[in-house]
Amino acid sequence: LKNDFTTLLQYAPKATNPDAWTAYRIGQAYYTTGKLSEAEKYLALAVKQAQQNIEFKAKLGAVKLELNKAAEAQQLLEDVIHNYPKHVQSLTNLGYLHFLQGNIAQANQYYDKALALDPDYEAALLNKAGLYNYLKQYDKAKALLQRVLKQNPNNQRVKELLGQLDKLL
């Protein structure tokens, strides 16, 4: 059931008092199936039971970010970065959070840190491309999207974005 999230969720209501890892996996399954409120509930339980687990906090922070709970997301993500400054996913999500808040320079710094640690991290490349697009630096956005497409040639969303950028150039 590790990757069969729909079937896993059939068992979730039976898990009345799950341990941290079970709660995390149920939360991940809800996240993957787009049920963010349920994901938040189980991920919060996982974090409560295993407060030192960086991955649990990072995932809960990402869910809170998607639920527009910026202050809570920022606190969780900054806590992860404080304890593990090289957590690429959290750096990327903090960049996105700052971008949403209009802190463009800060967003760029977080994206640069993430990409310095993992130059091929797709989410950071996509977010930085979005930042360049926002700044109307279309050539730079296109270059990053082409890097993503080289790594992931079947990414239809990136192909669409490149098509849109070509119309702007």
Protein backbone atom coordinates (compact mmCIF):
# COMPACT_ATOMS: atom_id res chain seq x y z
CA LEU A 1 0.00 0.00 0.00
CA LYS A 2 3.05 2.26 0.13
CA ASN A 3 2.16 3.93 -3.19
CA ASP A 4 -1.50 2.92 -3.46
CA PHE A 5 -2.88 5.97 -1.69
CA THR A 6 -6.54 5.39 -2.54
CA THR A 7 -6.52 1.91 -1.01
CA LEU A 8 -4.49 3.12 1.95
CA LEU A 9 -7.12 5.74 2.70
CA GLN A 10 -9.76 3.02 2.97
CA TYR A 11 -7.94 1.92 6.13
CA ALA A 12 -7.38 5.43 7.53
CA PRO A 13 -10.68 5.69 9.48
CA LYS A 14 -9.73 2.45 11.28
CA ALA A 15 -6.48 4.02 12.51
CA THR A 16 -7.98 5.67 15.59
CA ASN A 17 -4.68 6.32 17.36
CA PRO A 18 -1.90 5.87 14.80
CA ASP A 19 1.78 6.05 15.64
CA ALA A 20 3.83 8.88 14.08
CA TRP A 21 4.87 7.02 10.94
CA THR A 22 1.37 5.70 10.28
CA ALA A 23 -0.08 9.18 10.77
CA TYR A 24 2.56 10.58 8.38
CA ARG A 25 1.77 7.99 5.71
CA ILE A 26 -1.97 8.62 6.03
CA GLY A 27 -1.29 12.37 5.82
CA GLN A 28 0.88 11.83 2.75
CA ALA A 29 -1.88 9.75 1.15
CA TYR A 30 -4.42 12.51 1.77
CA TYR A 31 -1.95 15.06 0.41
CA THR A 32 -1.32 13.04 -2.74
CA THR A 33 -5.06 12.66 -3.34
CA GLY A 34 -5.64 16.40 -2.85
CA LYS A 35 -7.44 16.24 0.50
CA LEU A 36 -5.36 18.90 2.20
CA SER A 37 -7.43 19.43 5.35
CA GLU A 38 -7.28 15.73 6.17
CA ALA A 39 -3.58 15.68 5.30
CA GLU A 40 -2.98 18.56 7.69
CA LYS A 41 -4.76 16.74 10.51
CA TYR A 42 -2.69 13.56 10.20
CA LEU A 43 0.59 15.35 9.54
CA ALA A 44 0.04 17.51 12.62
CA LEU A 45 -0.48 14.31 14.62
CA ALA A 46 2.75 12.89 13.21
CA VAL A 47 4.66 16.06 14.14
CA LYS A 48 3.15 16.06 17.61
CA GLN A 49 4.32 12.50 18.19
CA ALA A 50 7.76 12.90 16.59
CA GLN A 51 8.70 16.55 17.01
CA GLN A 52 12.30 16.08 15.89
CA ASN A 53 11.39 14.51 12.55
CA ILE A 54 12.36 17.02 9.89
CA GLU A 55 10.42 15.37 7.06
CA PHE A 56 7.18 15.41 9.05
CA LYS A 57 7.57 19.13 9.79
CA ALA A 58 8.57 19.94 6.23
CA LYS A 59 5.53 18.16 4.79
CA LEU A 60 3.18 19.78 7.32
CA GLY A 61 4.70 23.16 6.43
CA ALA A 62 4.11 22.49 2.73
CA VAL A 63 0.48 21.54 3.38
CA LYS A 64 -0.09 24.64 5.51
CA LEU A 65 1.42 26.72 2.73
CA GLU A 66 -1.05 25.23 0.25
CA LEU A 67 -3.89 25.88 2.71
CA ASN A 68 -2.86 29.58 2.84
CA LYS A 69 -1.80 29.35 6.47
CA ALA A 70 1.32 31.36 5.82
CA ALA A 71 2.34 32.17 9.39
CA GLU A 72 2.06 28.55 10.51
CA ALA A 73 3.85 27.33 7.39
CA GLN A 74 6.66 29.83 7.87
CA GLN A 75 7.17 28.83 11.49
CA LEU A 76 7.41 25.13 10.62
CA LEU A 77 9.68 25.65 7.60
CA GLU A 78 12.00 28.02 9.43
CA ASP A 79 12.24 25.52 12.27
CA VAL A 80 13.30 22.86 9.77
CA ILE A 81 15.91 25.19 8.24
CA HIS A 82 17.17 26.21 11.68
CA ASN A 83 17.82 22.56 12.52
CA TYR A 84 18.79 21.40 9.05
CA PRO A 85 19.94 24.34 6.89
CA LYS A 86 20.38 22.13 3.82
CA HIS A 87 16.78 20.93 3.56
CA VAL A 88 16.15 21.75 -0.09
CA GLN A 89 12.37 21.26 -0.04
CA SER A 90 11.95 23.65 2.90
CA LEU A 91 14.25 26.24 1.34
CA THR A 92 12.18 26.07 -1.83
CA ASN A 93 8.90 26.34 0.06
CA LEU A 94 10.18 29.30 2.07
CA GLY A 95 11.14 30.92 -1.21
CA TYR A 96 7.64 30.40 -2.52
CA LEU A 97 6.13 31.74 0.70
CA HIS A 98 8.20 34.91 0.40
CA PHE A 99 7.28 35.21 -3.28
CA LEU A 100 3.58 35.06 -2.35
CA GLN A 101 4.17 37.77 0.25
CA GLY A 102 5.87 39.98 -2.33
CA ASN A 103 9.36 39.58 -0.83
CA ILE A 104 10.98 38.94 -4.20
CA ALA A 105 14.61 39.36 -3.12
CA GLN A 106 14.11 37.00 -0.17
CA ALA A 107 12.35 34.45 -2.40
CA ASN A 108 15.23 34.57 -4.83
CA GLN A 109 17.75 34.01 -2.03
CA TYR A 110 15.92 30.90 -0.85
CA TYR A 111 15.68 29.53 -4.40
CA ASP A 112 19.39 30.17 -4.90
CA LYS A 113 20.23 28.33 -1.66
CA ALA A 114 18.06 25.38 -2.68
CA LEU A 115 19.57 25.21 -6.15
CA ALA A 116 23.12 25.53 -4.81
CA LEU A 117 22.44 22.37 -2.79
CA ASP A 118 20.56 20.53 -5.54
CA PRO A 119 20.88 22.17 -8.98
CA ASP A 120 18.36 19.74 -10.48
CA TYR A 121 15.60 20.09 -7.86
CA GLU A 122 12.57 20.49 -10.10
CA ALA A 123 10.36 22.45 -7.70
CA ALA A 124 13.09 25.05 -7.10
CA LEU A 125 13.76 25.35 -10.84
CA LEU A 126 10.07 25.81 -11.56
CA ASN A 127 9.63 28.35 -8.77
CA LYS A 128 12.66 30.34 -9.87
CA ALA A 129 11.37 30.25 -13.46
CA GLY A 130 8.08 31.63 -12.13
CA LEU A 131 9.97 34.38 -10.34
CA TYR A 132 11.83 35.29 -13.55
CA ASN A 133 8.54 35.29 -15.42
CA TYR A 134 7.08 37.64 -12.80
CA LEU A 135 10.09 39.93 -13.26
CA LYS A 136 9.59 39.75 -17.05
CA GLN A 137 13.00 38.12 -17.45
CA TYR A 138 11.58 35.69 -19.95
CA ASP A 139 14.91 34.44 -21.34
CA LYS A 140 16.03 33.34 -17.87
CA ALA A 141 12.66 31.71 -17.19
CA LYS A 142 12.87 29.86 -20.49
CA ALA A 143 16.39 28.60 -19.75
CA LEU A 144 15.26 27.14 -16.42
CA LEU A 145 12.18 25.53 -17.94
CA GLN A 146 14.36 23.97 -20.63
CA ARG A 147 16.56 22.49 -17.89
CA VAL A 148 13.48 20.96 -16.28
CA LEU A 149 12.30 19.58 -19.61
CA LYS A 150 15.73 18.07 -20.27
CA GLN A 151 15.48 16.19 -16.95
CA ASN A 152 11.80 15.37 -17.33
CA PRO A 153 10.94 15.29 -21.05
CA ASN A 154 7.36 14.14 -20.41
CA ASN A 155 6.41 17.16 -18.28
CA GLN A 156 3.46 18.52 -20.24
CA ARG A 157 3.00 21.52 -17.95
CA VAL A 158 6.56 22.71 -18.67
CA LYS A 159 5.99 22.25 -22.40
CA GLU A 160 2.88 24.46 -22.14
CA LEU A 161 4.78 27.09 -20.16
CA LEU A 162 7.56 27.13 -22.73
CA GLY A 163 4.98 27.62 -25.46
CA GLN A 164 3.53 30.57 -23.58
CA LEU A 165 6.98 32.07 -23.04
CA ASP A 166 7.81 31.72 -26.75
CA LYS A 167 4.84 33.99 -27.49
CA LEU A 168 6.29 36.63 -25.14
CA LEU A 169 9.78 36.58 -26.64
